[in-house]
Amino acid sequence: MSERREQILQKAIEMIADEGYGSLTMRALARVNGMKLGALQYHFRTSQEMWQALVSYVGESYRYTFGRLRNDDAPPTIREIVLFILDDDAGDAIAGDRLWPQFWAMQQVEPLISDLLVDVYAGYLATLEAALKAAGNSAPRAEALCLMSLLEGSTIFVGRGRRWEGDAGVVRDAVLAFVDSKYGEQS
């Protein structure tokens, strides 16, 4: 992907995160990038092409950082996976704590976004489920889904710009204390 296309997609992400997904039109995206609509259409001929590129860009960001977690000689521990999801390294570059709530809403009307969420969460689920299974958990899938719900739910309540953002650190500590007390021996 060219550097310019990536810059344009970054602005699209900022628009969605700051103003909601309804604000992202080709004209608005051209305006925030300081270009005319025709110049934007050189990079993305249609809004559908722009959305496909955006979904691909976000998906690749998450797959890349999640792949780094899995590239060690030993599989990641439950605690490492939980920290990865809580800290959301991939999301730092793309305003993940503000972007994902928009994507959750948008998935109801946009199949591309729905497919992206399924893809990203399937990767998390498979890795977390494998770690729980290796730790001897009797219901690894159910517990993995419970942990994912807890972790992703924190974005809604203590993510940047949320009412209880100031409590993010103590919530993170509480989640880690729970994980350590339940899985400390295995992780």
N, C-alpha and C. Protein backbone atom coordinates (compact mmCIF):
# COMPACT_ATOMS: atom_id res chain seq x y z
N MET A 1 0.84 -1.17 0.00
CA MET A 1 0.00 0.00 0.00
C MET A 1 0.90 1.24 0.00
N SER A 2 0.52 2.21 -0.79
CA SER A 2 1.33 3.43 -0.85
C SER A 2 1.17 4.22 0.45
N GLU A 3 2.17 5.02 0.72
CA GLU A 3 2.14 5.84 1.93
C GLU A 3 0.95 6.80 1.91
N ARG A 4 0.63 7.34 0.75
CA ARG A 4 -0.49 8.28 0.64
C ARG A 4 -1.81 7.59 0.91
N ARG A 5 -2.00 6.40 0.37
CA ARG A 5 -3.24 5.64 0.63
C ARG A 5 -3.38 5.36 2.12
N GLU A 6 -2.26 5.01 2.74
CA GLU A 6 -2.29 4.73 4.18
C GLU A 6 -2.66 5.99 4.97
N GLN A 7 -2.13 7.14 4.56
CA GLN A 7 -2.47 8.41 5.23
C GLN A 7 -3.96 8.70 5.09
N ILE A 8 -4.50 8.45 3.91
CA ILE A 8 -5.92 8.68 3.67
C ILE A 8 -6.76 7.76 4.56
N LEU A 9 -6.37 6.50 4.65
CA LEU A 9 -7.11 5.56 5.49
C LEU A 9 -7.00 5.93 6.95
N GLN A 10 -5.85 6.44 7.37
CA GLN A 10 -5.69 6.90 8.75
C GLN A 10 -6.67 8.01 9.06
N LYS A 11 -6.85 8.93 8.12
CA LYS A 11 -7.81 10.02 8.29
C LYS A 11 -9.24 9.47 8.33
N ALA A 12 -9.52 8.45 7.54
CA ALA A 12 -10.84 7.82 7.56
C ALA A 12 -11.10 7.21 8.93
N ILE A 13 -10.10 6.56 9.49
CA ILE A 13 -10.24 5.96 10.82
C ILE A 13 -10.49 7.04 11.86
N GLU A 14 -9.75 8.14 11.77
CA GLU A 14 -9.95 9.25 12.72
C GLU A 14 -11.37 9.80 12.61
N MET A 15 -11.87 9.91 11.38
CA MET A 15 -13.23 10.42 11.19
C MET A 15 -14.24 9.49 11.85
N ILE A 16 -14.10 8.19 11.63
CA ILE A 16 -15.03 7.23 12.22
C ILE A 16 -14.94 7.29 13.74
N ALA A 17 -13.71 7.28 14.27
CA ALA A 17 -13.51 7.27 15.71
C ALA A 17 -14.02 8.55 16.37
N ASP A 18 -13.84 9.68 15.72
CA ASP A 18 -14.22 10.97 16.31
C ASP A 18 -15.66 11.37 16.06
N GLU A 19 -16.17 11.07 14.87
CA GLU A 19 -17.47 11.59 14.47
C GLU A 19 -18.51 10.51 14.18
N GLY A 20 -18.11 9.24 14.21
CA GLY A 20 -19.03 8.16 13.90
C GLY A 20 -18.92 7.74 12.45
N TYR A 21 -19.31 6.52 12.17
CA TYR A 21 -19.13 5.98 10.81
C TYR A 21 -20.01 6.68 9.78
N GLY A 22 -21.11 7.29 10.21
CA GLY A 22 -21.99 7.99 9.28
C GLY A 22 -21.35 9.23 8.68
N SER A 23 -20.28 9.71 9.32
CA SER A 23 -19.61 10.91 8.83
C SER A 23 -18.66 10.63 7.66
N LEU A 24 -18.35 9.37 7.44
CA LEU A 24 -17.35 9.03 6.42
C LEU A 24 -18.00 8.91 5.04
N THR A 25 -17.82 9.96 4.26
CA THR A 25 -18.22 9.95 2.87
C THR A 25 -16.97 10.26 2.05
N MET A 26 -17.03 10.01 0.78
CA MET A 26 -15.88 10.30 -0.08
C MET A 26 -15.58 11.81 -0.05
N ARG A 27 -16.59 12.64 -0.13
CA ARG A 27 -16.38 14.09 -0.11
C ARG A 27 -15.76 14.55 1.21
N ALA A 28 -16.29 14.04 2.31
CA ALA A 28 -15.75 14.43 3.62
C ALA A 28 -14.31 13.95 3.77
N LEU A 29 -14.03 12.74 3.28
CA LEU A 29 -12.67 12.21 3.37
C LEU A 29 -11.71 13.03 2.51
N ALA A 30 -12.15 13.43 1.34
CA ALA A 30 -11.31 14.28 0.49
C ALA A 30 -11.03 15.60 1.21
N ARG A 31 -12.06 16.17 1.83
CA ARG A 31 -11.91 17.46 2.51
C ARG A 31 -10.89 17.36 3.65
N VAL A 32 -10.98 16.35 4.52
CA VAL A 32 -10.05 16.26 5.65
C VAL A 32 -8.63 15.94 5.20
N ASN A 33 -8.50 15.40 4.00
CA ASN A 33 -7.17 15.12 3.46
C ASN A 33 -6.64 16.27 2.62
N GLY A 34 -7.42 17.37 2.54
CA GLY A 34 -6.98 18.54 1.80
C GLY A 34 -6.84 18.29 0.31
N MET A 35 -7.77 17.52 -0.24
CA MET A 35 -7.73 17.23 -1.67
C MET A 35 -9.12 17.33 -2.27
N LYS A 36 -9.16 17.39 -3.55
CA LYS A 36 -10.43 17.39 -4.26
C LYS A 36 -10.92 15.95 -4.39
N LEU A 37 -12.22 15.81 -4.59
CA LEU A 37 -12.82 14.48 -4.71
C LEU A 37 -12.15 13.68 -5.82
N GLY A 38 -11.87 14.30 -6.95
CA GLY A 38 -11.22 13.61 -8.07
C GLY A 38 -9.86 13.04 -7.68
N ALA A 39 -9.12 13.78 -6.87
CA ALA A 39 -7.81 13.30 -6.42
C ALA A 39 -7.97 12.10 -5.49
N LEU A 40 -8.98 12.13 -4.64
CA LEU A 40 -9.24 10.98 -3.76
C LEU A 40 -9.63 9.77 -4.59
N GLN A 41 -10.41 10.01 -5.65
CA GLN A 41 -10.86 8.90 -6.48
C GLN A 41 -9.71 8.29 -7.29
N TYR A 42 -8.61 8.96 -7.39
CA TYR A 42 -7.41 8.36 -7.98
C TYR A 42 -6.95 7.20 -7.09
N HIS A 43 -7.07 7.35 -5.77
CA HIS A 43 -6.64 6.33 -4.81
C HIS A 43 -7.74 5.29 -4.56
N PHE A 44 -8.99 5.74 -4.50
CA PHE A 44 -10.14 4.86 -4.25
C PHE A 44 -11.25 5.29 -5.19
N ARG A 45 -11.47 4.51 -6.23
CA ARG A 45 -12.43 4.91 -7.27
C ARG A 45 -13.85 5.07 -6.72
N THR A 46 -14.22 4.21 -5.77
CA THR A 46 -15.58 4.25 -5.22
C THR A 46 -15.51 4.18 -3.70
N SER A 47 -16.62 4.49 -3.08
CA SER A 47 -16.65 4.37 -1.62
C SER A 47 -16.53 2.91 -1.21
N GLN A 48 -17.06 2.00 -2.00
CA GLN A 48 -16.93 0.56 -1.70
C GLN A 48 -15.46 0.15 -1.72
N GLU A 49 -14.71 0.64 -2.69
CA GLU A 49 -13.28 0.34 -2.77
C GLU A 49 -12.55 0.92 -1.55
N MET A 50 -12.95 2.11 -1.12
CA MET A 50 -12.34 2.73 0.05
C MET A 50 -12.65 1.90 1.30
N TRP A 51 -13.90 1.46 1.45
CA TRP A 51 -14.27 0.65 2.61
C TRP A 51 -13.51 -0.68 2.61
N GLN A 52 -13.36 -1.29 1.43
CA GLN A 52 -12.61 -2.55 1.35
C GLN A 52 -11.16 -2.33 1.77
N ALA A 53 -10.57 -1.24 1.33
CA ALA A 53 -9.19 -0.94 1.70
C ALA A 53 -9.09 -0.66 3.20
N LEU A 54 -10.07 0.04 3.74
CA LEU A 54 -10.08 0.34 5.17
C LEU A 54 -10.17 -0.93 6.01
N VAL A 55 -11.07 -1.81 5.64
CA VAL A 55 -11.22 -3.08 6.35
C VAL A 55 -9.94 -3.90 6.25
N SER A 56 -9.36 -3.93 5.08
CA SER A 56 -8.11 -4.67 4.90
C SER A 56 -7.00 -4.07 5.76
N TYR A 57 -6.90 -2.76 5.79
CA TYR A 57 -5.88 -2.07 6.57
C TYR A 57 -6.02 -2.36 8.07
N VAL A 58 -7.24 -2.24 8.58
CA VAL A 58 -7.48 -2.51 10.00
C VAL A 58 -7.21 -3.98 10.31
N GLY A 59 -7.71 -4.86 9.47
CA GLY A 59 -7.49 -6.29 9.68
C GLY A 59 -6.02 -6.66 9.69
N GLU A 60 -5.27 -6.11 8.76
CA GLU A 60 -3.84 -6.38 8.70
C GLU A 60 -3.11 -5.85 9.93
N SER A 61 -3.52 -4.69 10.42
CA SER A 61 -2.91 -4.13 11.63
C SER A 61 -3.06 -5.10 12.79
N TYR A 62 -4.26 -5.66 12.94
CA TYR A 62 -4.51 -6.59 14.04
C TYR A 62 -3.83 -7.94 13.79
N ARG A 63 -3.90 -8.45 12.58
CA ARG A 63 -3.25 -9.74 12.30
C ARG A 63 -1.74 -9.65 12.51
N TYR A 64 -1.14 -8.54 12.11
CA TYR A 64 0.30 -8.36 12.26
C TYR A 64 0.70 -8.36 13.74
N THR A 65 0.02 -7.54 14.54
CA THR A 65 0.41 -7.48 15.95
C THR A 65 0.05 -8.76 16.68
N PHE A 66 -1.05 -9.38 16.32
CA PHE A 66 -1.43 -10.65 16.95
C PHE A 66 -0.45 -11.74 16.53
N GLY A 67 0.02 -11.69 15.30
CA GLY A 67 1.02 -12.65 14.83
C GLY A 67 2.31 -12.56 15.62
N ARG A 68 2.69 -11.35 16.02
CA ARG A 68 3.90 -11.19 16.85
C ARG A 68 3.74 -11.88 18.19
N LEU A 69 2.54 -11.87 18.73
CA LEU A 69 2.27 -12.54 19.99
C LEU A 69 2.46 -14.04 19.84
N ARG A 70 2.08 -14.57 18.69
CA ARG A 70 2.13 -16.02 18.47
C ARG A 70 3.46 -16.49 17.89
N ASN A 71 4.39 -15.62 17.57
CA ASN A 71 5.62 -16.02 16.90
C ASN A 71 6.71 -16.55 17.81
N ASP A 72 6.53 -16.49 19.11
CA ASP A 72 7.55 -17.01 20.01
C ASP A 72 7.65 -18.52 19.89
N ASP A 73 8.74 -19.07 20.43
CA ASP A 73 8.91 -20.52 20.41
C ASP A 73 7.82 -21.23 21.19
N ALA A 74 7.44 -20.65 22.32
CA ALA A 74 6.38 -21.23 23.14
C ALA A 74 5.07 -20.49 22.85
N PRO A 75 3.95 -21.19 22.90
CA PRO A 75 2.68 -20.49 22.69
C PRO A 75 2.45 -19.46 23.80
N PRO A 76 1.70 -18.42 23.52
CA PRO A 76 1.48 -17.39 24.54
C PRO A 76 0.68 -17.95 25.73
N THR A 77 0.96 -17.41 26.89
CA THR A 77 0.22 -17.80 28.08
C THR A 77 -1.12 -17.06 28.10
N ILE A 78 -1.99 -17.50 28.98
CA ILE A 78 -3.28 -16.84 29.12
C ILE A 78 -3.07 -15.38 29.51
N ARG A 79 -2.15 -15.14 30.42
CA ARG A 79 -1.87 -13.77 30.88
C ARG A 79 -1.34 -12.91 29.71
N GLU A 80 -0.46 -13.46 28.90
CA GLU A 80 0.07 -12.71 27.75
C GLU A 80 -1.03 -12.34 26.77
N ILE A 81 -1.95 -13.26 26.55
CA ILE A 81 -3.06 -12.98 25.63
C ILE A 81 -3.96 -11.90 26.22
N VAL A 82 -4.26 -12.02 27.51
CA VAL A 82 -5.11 -11.03 28.18
C VAL A 82 -4.45 -9.66 28.12
N LEU A 83 -3.16 -9.59 28.40
CA LEU A 83 -2.44 -8.31 28.32
C LEU A 83 -2.47 -7.76 26.91
N PHE A 84 -2.30 -8.62 25.93
CA PHE A 84 -2.33 -8.19 24.53
C PHE A 84 -3.67 -7.53 24.20
N ILE A 85 -4.75 -8.17 24.63
CA ILE A 85 -6.08 -7.64 24.33
C ILE A 85 -6.35 -6.37 25.13
N LEU A 86 -5.99 -6.37 26.42
CA LEU A 86 -6.19 -5.18 27.24
C LEU A 86 -5.40 -3.98 26.73
N ASP A 87 -4.14 -4.21 26.38
CA ASP A 87 -3.28 -3.12 25.96
C ASP A 87 -3.51 -2.70 24.52
N ASP A 88 -4.08 -3.58 23.72
CA ASP A 88 -4.47 -3.29 22.33
C ASP A 88 -3.40 -2.54 21.56
N ASP A 89 -2.22 -3.16 21.42
CA ASP A 89 -1.12 -2.54 20.69
C ASP A 89 -1.51 -2.17 19.26
N ALA A 90 -2.23 -3.03 18.60
CA ALA A 90 -2.64 -2.72 17.22
C ALA A 90 -3.56 -1.52 17.20
N GLY A 91 -4.41 -1.41 18.20
CA GLY A 91 -5.37 -0.32 18.25
C GLY A 91 -4.77 1.04 18.54
N ASP A 92 -3.57 1.08 19.10
CA ASP A 92 -2.94 2.37 19.39
C ASP A 92 -2.79 3.20 18.13
N ALA A 93 -2.35 2.59 17.07
CA ALA A 93 -2.10 3.31 15.82
C ALA A 93 -3.40 3.68 15.10
N ILE A 94 -4.49 3.00 15.44
CA ILE A 94 -5.74 3.25 14.71
C ILE A 94 -6.89 3.61 15.64
N ALA A 95 -6.59 4.18 16.80
CA ALA A 95 -7.63 4.63 17.74
C ALA A 95 -8.62 3.52 18.04
N GLY A 96 -8.10 2.32 18.30
CA GLY A 96 -8.94 1.14 18.48
C GLY A 96 -10.00 1.27 19.54
N ASP A 97 -9.69 1.93 20.66
CA ASP A 97 -10.69 2.02 21.72
C ASP A 97 -11.87 2.91 21.34
N ARG A 98 -11.70 3.76 20.33
CA ARG A 98 -12.81 4.57 19.83
C ARG A 98 -13.37 4.01 18.53
N LEU A 99 -12.53 3.30 17.79
CA LEU A 99 -12.94 2.74 16.50
C LEU A 99 -13.84 1.52 16.66
N TRP A 100 -13.46 0.60 17.57
CA TRP A 100 -14.21 -0.64 17.71
C TRP A 100 -15.66 -0.45 18.10
N PRO A 101 -16.01 0.45 19.03
CA PRO A 101 -17.45 0.65 19.28
C PRO A 101 -18.21 1.08 18.03
N GLN A 102 -17.58 1.89 17.18
CA GLN A 102 -18.21 2.28 15.92
C GLN A 102 -18.39 1.05 15.02
N PHE A 103 -17.35 0.22 14.97
CA PHE A 103 -17.44 -0.99 14.15
C PHE A 103 -18.50 -1.95 14.68
N TRP A 104 -18.63 -2.05 16.00
CA TRP A 104 -19.67 -2.92 16.56
C TRP A 104 -21.05 -2.48 16.09
N ALA A 105 -21.27 -1.17 16.08
CA ALA A 105 -22.56 -0.65 15.61
C ALA A 105 -22.70 -0.85 14.10
N MET A 106 -21.64 -0.59 13.39
CA MET A 106 -21.67 -0.62 11.94
C MET A 106 -21.83 -2.03 11.36
N GLN A 107 -21.41 -3.03 12.11
CA GLN A 107 -21.49 -4.40 11.59
C GLN A 107 -22.93 -4.81 11.28
N GLN A 108 -23.89 -4.13 11.88
CA GLN A 108 -25.29 -4.46 11.63
C GLN A 108 -25.73 -4.10 10.21
N VAL A 109 -25.01 -3.13 9.60
CA VAL A 109 -25.43 -2.65 8.28
C VAL A 109 -24.37 -2.83 7.21
N GLU A 110 -23.18 -3.22 7.59
CA GLU A 110 -22.09 -3.33 6.61
C GLU A 110 -21.42 -4.69 6.72
N PRO A 111 -21.68 -5.59 5.76
CA PRO A 111 -21.09 -6.93 5.81
C PRO A 111 -19.56 -6.94 5.87
N LEU A 112 -18.90 -5.98 5.23
CA LEU A 112 -17.44 -5.94 5.29
C LEU A 112 -16.94 -5.79 6.72
N ILE A 113 -17.59 -4.94 7.48
CA ILE A 113 -17.19 -4.72 8.87
C ILE A 113 -17.52 -5.95 9.70
N SER A 114 -18.66 -6.54 9.45
CA SER A 114 -19.03 -7.77 10.16
C SER A 114 -17.99 -8.87 9.92
N ASP A 115 -17.57 -9.01 8.68
CA ASP A 115 -16.54 -10.02 8.36
C ASP A 115 -15.21 -9.70 9.04
N LEU A 116 -14.85 -8.42 9.11
CA LEU A 116 -13.62 -8.01 9.79
C LEU A 116 -13.67 -8.40 11.26
N LEU A 117 -14.78 -8.08 11.93
CA LEU A 117 -14.90 -8.40 13.35
C LEU A 117 -14.83 -9.90 13.58
N VAL A 118 -15.52 -10.66 12.75
CA VAL A 118 -15.48 -12.12 12.89
C VAL A 118 -14.05 -12.63 12.73
N ASP A 119 -13.33 -12.11 11.75
CA ASP A 119 -11.96 -12.53 11.48
C ASP A 119 -11.03 -12.22 12.66
N VAL A 120 -11.08 -10.99 13.15
CA VAL A 120 -10.19 -10.58 14.25
C VAL A 120 -10.53 -11.37 15.51
N TYR A 121 -11.81 -11.45 15.84
CA TYR A 121 -12.19 -12.16 17.07
C TYR A 121 -11.96 -13.66 16.97
N ALA A 122 -12.08 -14.22 15.79
CA ALA A 122 -11.80 -15.65 15.63
C ALA A 122 -10.34 -15.96 15.95
N GLY A 123 -9.44 -15.06 15.55
CA GLY A 123 -8.03 -15.23 15.88
C GLY A 123 -7.78 -15.17 17.38
N TYR A 124 -8.40 -14.19 18.03
CA TYR A 124 -8.27 -14.08 19.49
C TYR A 124 -8.82 -15.34 20.16
N LEU A 125 -10.02 -15.72 19.74
CA LEU A 125 -10.69 -16.86 20.36
C LEU A 125 -9.87 -18.14 20.22
N ALA A 126 -9.38 -18.41 19.03
CA ALA A 126 -8.61 -19.65 18.80
C ALA A 126 -7.36 -19.68 19.68
N THR A 127 -6.66 -18.57 19.78
CA THR A 127 -5.44 -18.52 20.57
C THR A 127 -5.74 -18.64 22.06
N LEU A 128 -6.74 -17.93 22.52
CA LEU A 128 -7.11 -17.99 23.94
C LEU A 128 -7.66 -19.37 24.30
N GLU A 129 -8.46 -19.93 23.43
CA GLU A 129 -9.01 -21.27 23.66
C GLU A 129 -7.89 -22.32 23.73
N ALA A 130 -6.91 -22.22 22.85
CA ALA A 130 -5.78 -23.16 22.87
C ALA A 130 -4.99 -23.03 24.17
N ALA A 131 -4.78 -21.81 24.63
CA ALA A 131 -4.04 -21.60 25.89
C ALA A 131 -4.83 -22.17 27.07
N LEU A 132 -6.13 -21.97 27.07
CA LEU A 132 -6.95 -22.52 28.15
C LEU A 132 -6.96 -24.05 28.12
N LYS A 133 -7.04 -24.60 26.92
CA LYS A 133 -7.02 -26.05 26.77
C LYS A 133 -5.67 -26.61 27.26
N ALA A 134 -4.58 -25.96 26.89
CA ALA A 134 -3.25 -26.40 27.33
C ALA A 134 -3.11 -26.30 28.84
N ALA A 135 -3.84 -25.36 29.45
CA ALA A 135 -3.80 -25.20 30.90
C ALA A 135 -4.71 -26.20 31.60
N GLY A 136 -5.40 -27.05 30.83
CA GLY A 136 -6.23 -28.09 31.42
C GLY A 136 -7.65 -27.65 31.74
N ASN A 137 -8.09 -26.55 31.17
CA ASN A 137 -9.43 -26.07 31.42
C ASN A 137 -10.45 -27.04 30.84
N SER A 138 -11.51 -27.31 31.59
CA SER A 138 -12.51 -28.29 31.14
C SER A 138 -13.50 -27.72 30.13
N ALA A 139 -13.62 -26.40 30.05
CA ALA A 139 -14.54 -25.77 29.09
C ALA A 139 -13.82 -24.59 28.44
N PRO A 140 -12.76 -24.87 27.66
CA PRO A 140 -11.93 -23.78 27.15
C PRO A 140 -12.67 -22.80 26.24
N ARG A 141 -13.57 -23.28 25.40
CA ARG A 141 -14.26 -22.36 24.50
C ARG A 141 -15.18 -21.42 25.27
N ALA A 142 -15.96 -21.97 26.18
CA ALA A 142 -16.87 -21.14 26.96
C ALA A 142 -16.09 -20.12 27.79
N GLU A 143 -15.02 -20.56 28.42
CA GLU A 143 -14.24 -19.64 29.24
C GLU A 143 -13.52 -18.59 28.37
N ALA A 144 -13.06 -18.99 27.20
CA ALA A 144 -12.42 -18.04 26.29
C ALA A 144 -13.42 -16.96 25.88
N LEU A 145 -14.64 -17.36 25.57
CA LEU A 145 -15.67 -16.38 25.20
C LEU A 145 -16.01 -15.46 26.37
N CYS A 146 -16.05 -16.01 27.58
CA CYS A 146 -16.30 -15.17 28.76
C CYS A 146 -15.18 -14.15 28.95
N LEU A 147 -13.94 -14.60 28.84
CA LEU A 147 -12.81 -13.69 28.99
C LEU A 147 -12.81 -12.62 27.90
N MET A 148 -13.10 -13.01 26.67
CA MET A 148 -13.15 -12.03 25.58
C MET A 148 -14.23 -10.99 25.84
N SER A 149 -15.38 -11.43 26.34
CA SER A 149 -16.47 -10.49 26.65
C SER A 149 -16.04 -9.50 27.72
N LEU A 150 -15.37 -9.99 28.74
CA LEU A 150 -14.87 -9.13 29.80
C LEU A 150 -13.86 -8.13 29.26
N LEU A 151 -12.92 -8.62 28.48
CA LEU A 151 -11.85 -7.76 27.98
C LEU A 151 -12.36 -6.72 26.99
N GLU A 152 -13.17 -7.14 26.04
CA GLU A 152 -13.68 -6.20 25.05
C GLU A 152 -14.69 -5.23 25.66
N GLY A 153 -15.42 -5.69 26.66
CA GLY A 153 -16.37 -4.81 27.33
C GLY A 153 -15.70 -3.65 28.03
N SER A 154 -14.46 -3.84 28.43
CA SER A 154 -13.76 -2.74 29.11
C SER A 154 -13.62 -1.53 28.18
N THR A 155 -13.57 -1.76 26.88
CA THR A 155 -13.48 -0.66 25.92
C THR A 155 -14.71 0.25 26.03
N ILE A 156 -15.85 -0.35 26.22
CA ILE A 156 -17.09 0.41 26.29
C ILE A 156 -17.11 1.31 27.52
N PHE A 157 -16.59 0.81 28.63
CA PHE A 157 -16.73 1.54 29.88
C PHE A 157 -15.53 2.39 30.26
N VAL A 158 -14.32 1.92 29.99
CA VAL A 158 -13.14 2.65 30.46
C VAL A 158 -12.17 3.02 29.33
N GLY A 159 -12.61 2.92 28.09
CA GLY A 159 -11.78 3.31 26.96
C GLY A 159 -11.59 4.82 26.94
N ARG A 160 -10.67 5.27 26.10
CA ARG A 160 -10.41 6.72 25.99
C ARG A 160 -11.68 7.47 25.62
N GLY A 161 -11.93 8.54 26.35
CA GLY A 161 -13.10 9.36 26.08
C GLY A 161 -14.37 8.84 26.72
N ARG A 162 -14.30 7.74 27.43
CA ARG A 162 -15.49 7.18 28.08
C ARG A 162 -15.64 7.78 29.47
N ARG A 163 -16.83 7.67 30.00
CA ARG A 163 -17.15 8.29 31.29
C ARG A 163 -16.21 7.84 32.40
N TRP A 164 -15.85 6.56 32.43
CA TRP A 164 -15.02 6.03 33.51
C TRP A 164 -13.59 5.78 33.07
N GLU A 165 -13.12 6.56 32.11
CA GLU A 165 -11.76 6.42 31.60
C GLU A 165 -10.73 6.50 32.73
N GLY A 166 -10.98 7.31 33.72
CA GLY A 166 -10.05 7.46 34.83
C GLY A 166 -9.87 6.18 35.64
N ASP A 167 -10.80 5.26 35.50
CA ASP A 167 -10.71 3.98 36.21
C ASP A 167 -10.04 2.88 35.39
N ALA A 168 -9.55 3.22 34.20
CA ALA A 168 -8.97 2.20 33.31
C ALA A 168 -7.84 1.43 33.98
N GLY A 169 -6.96 2.11 34.67
CA GLY A 169 -5.82 1.44 35.31
C GLY A 169 -6.25 0.44 36.37
N VAL A 170 -7.22 0.83 37.21
CA VAL A 170 -7.66 -0.10 38.26
C VAL A 170 -8.46 -1.26 37.67
N VAL A 171 -9.19 -0.99 36.60
CA VAL A 171 -9.91 -2.09 35.93
C VAL A 171 -8.90 -3.07 35.33
N ARG A 172 -7.87 -2.55 34.69
CA ARG A 172 -6.81 -3.41 34.13
C ARG A 172 -6.18 -4.25 35.24
N ASP A 173 -5.86 -3.62 36.37
CA ASP A 173 -5.27 -4.34 37.50
C ASP A 173 -6.22 -5.42 38.03
N ALA A 174 -7.52 -5.10 38.11
CA ALA A 174 -8.50 -6.07 38.60
C ALA A 174 -8.61 -7.26 37.66
N VAL A 175 -8.62 -7.00 36.36
CA VAL A 175 -8.69 -8.10 35.38
C VAL A 175 -7.45 -8.98 35.50
N LEU A 176 -6.28 -8.36 35.60
CA LEU A 176 -5.04 -9.14 35.74
C LEU A 176 -5.01 -9.92 37.05
N ALA A 177 -5.52 -9.32 38.14
CA ALA A 177 -5.58 -10.04 39.42
C ALA A 177 -6.49 -11.26 39.29
N PHE A 178 -7.61 -11.10 38.60
CA PHE A 178 -8.52 -12.22 38.37
C PHE A 178 -7.82 -13.32 37.56
N VAL A 179 -7.19 -12.92 36.47
CA VAL A 179 -6.50 -13.88 35.60
C VAL A 179 -5.39 -14.59 36.38
N ASP A 180 -4.61 -13.82 37.14
CA ASP A 180 -3.52 -14.42 37.92
C ASP A 180 -4.04 -15.38 38.98
N SER A 181 -5.15 -15.02 39.62
CA SER A 181 -5.69 -15.92 40.66
C SER A 181 -6.29 -17.19 40.06
N LYS A 182 -6.85 -17.08 38.89
CA LYS A 182 -7.48 -18.24 38.26
C LYS A 182 -6.49 -19.09 37.46
N TYR A 183 -5.54 -18.44 36.80
CA TYR A 183 -4.66 -19.16 35.88
C TYR A 183 -3.18 -18.99 36.23
N GLY A 184 -2.87 -18.36 37.35
CA GLY A 184 -1.49 -18.04 37.71
C GLY A 184 -0.52 -19.19 37.60
N GLU A 185 -0.92 -20.34 38.01
CA GLU A 185 -0.02 -21.51 37.95
C GLU A 185 0.27 -21.92 36.51
N GLN A 186 -0.72 -21.79 35.63
CA GLN A 186 -0.56 -22.23 34.25
C GLN A 186 0.02 -21.14 33.37
N SER A 187 -0.16 -19.87 33.72
CA SER A 187 0.28 -18.81 32.82
C SER A 187 1.59 -18.26 33.28
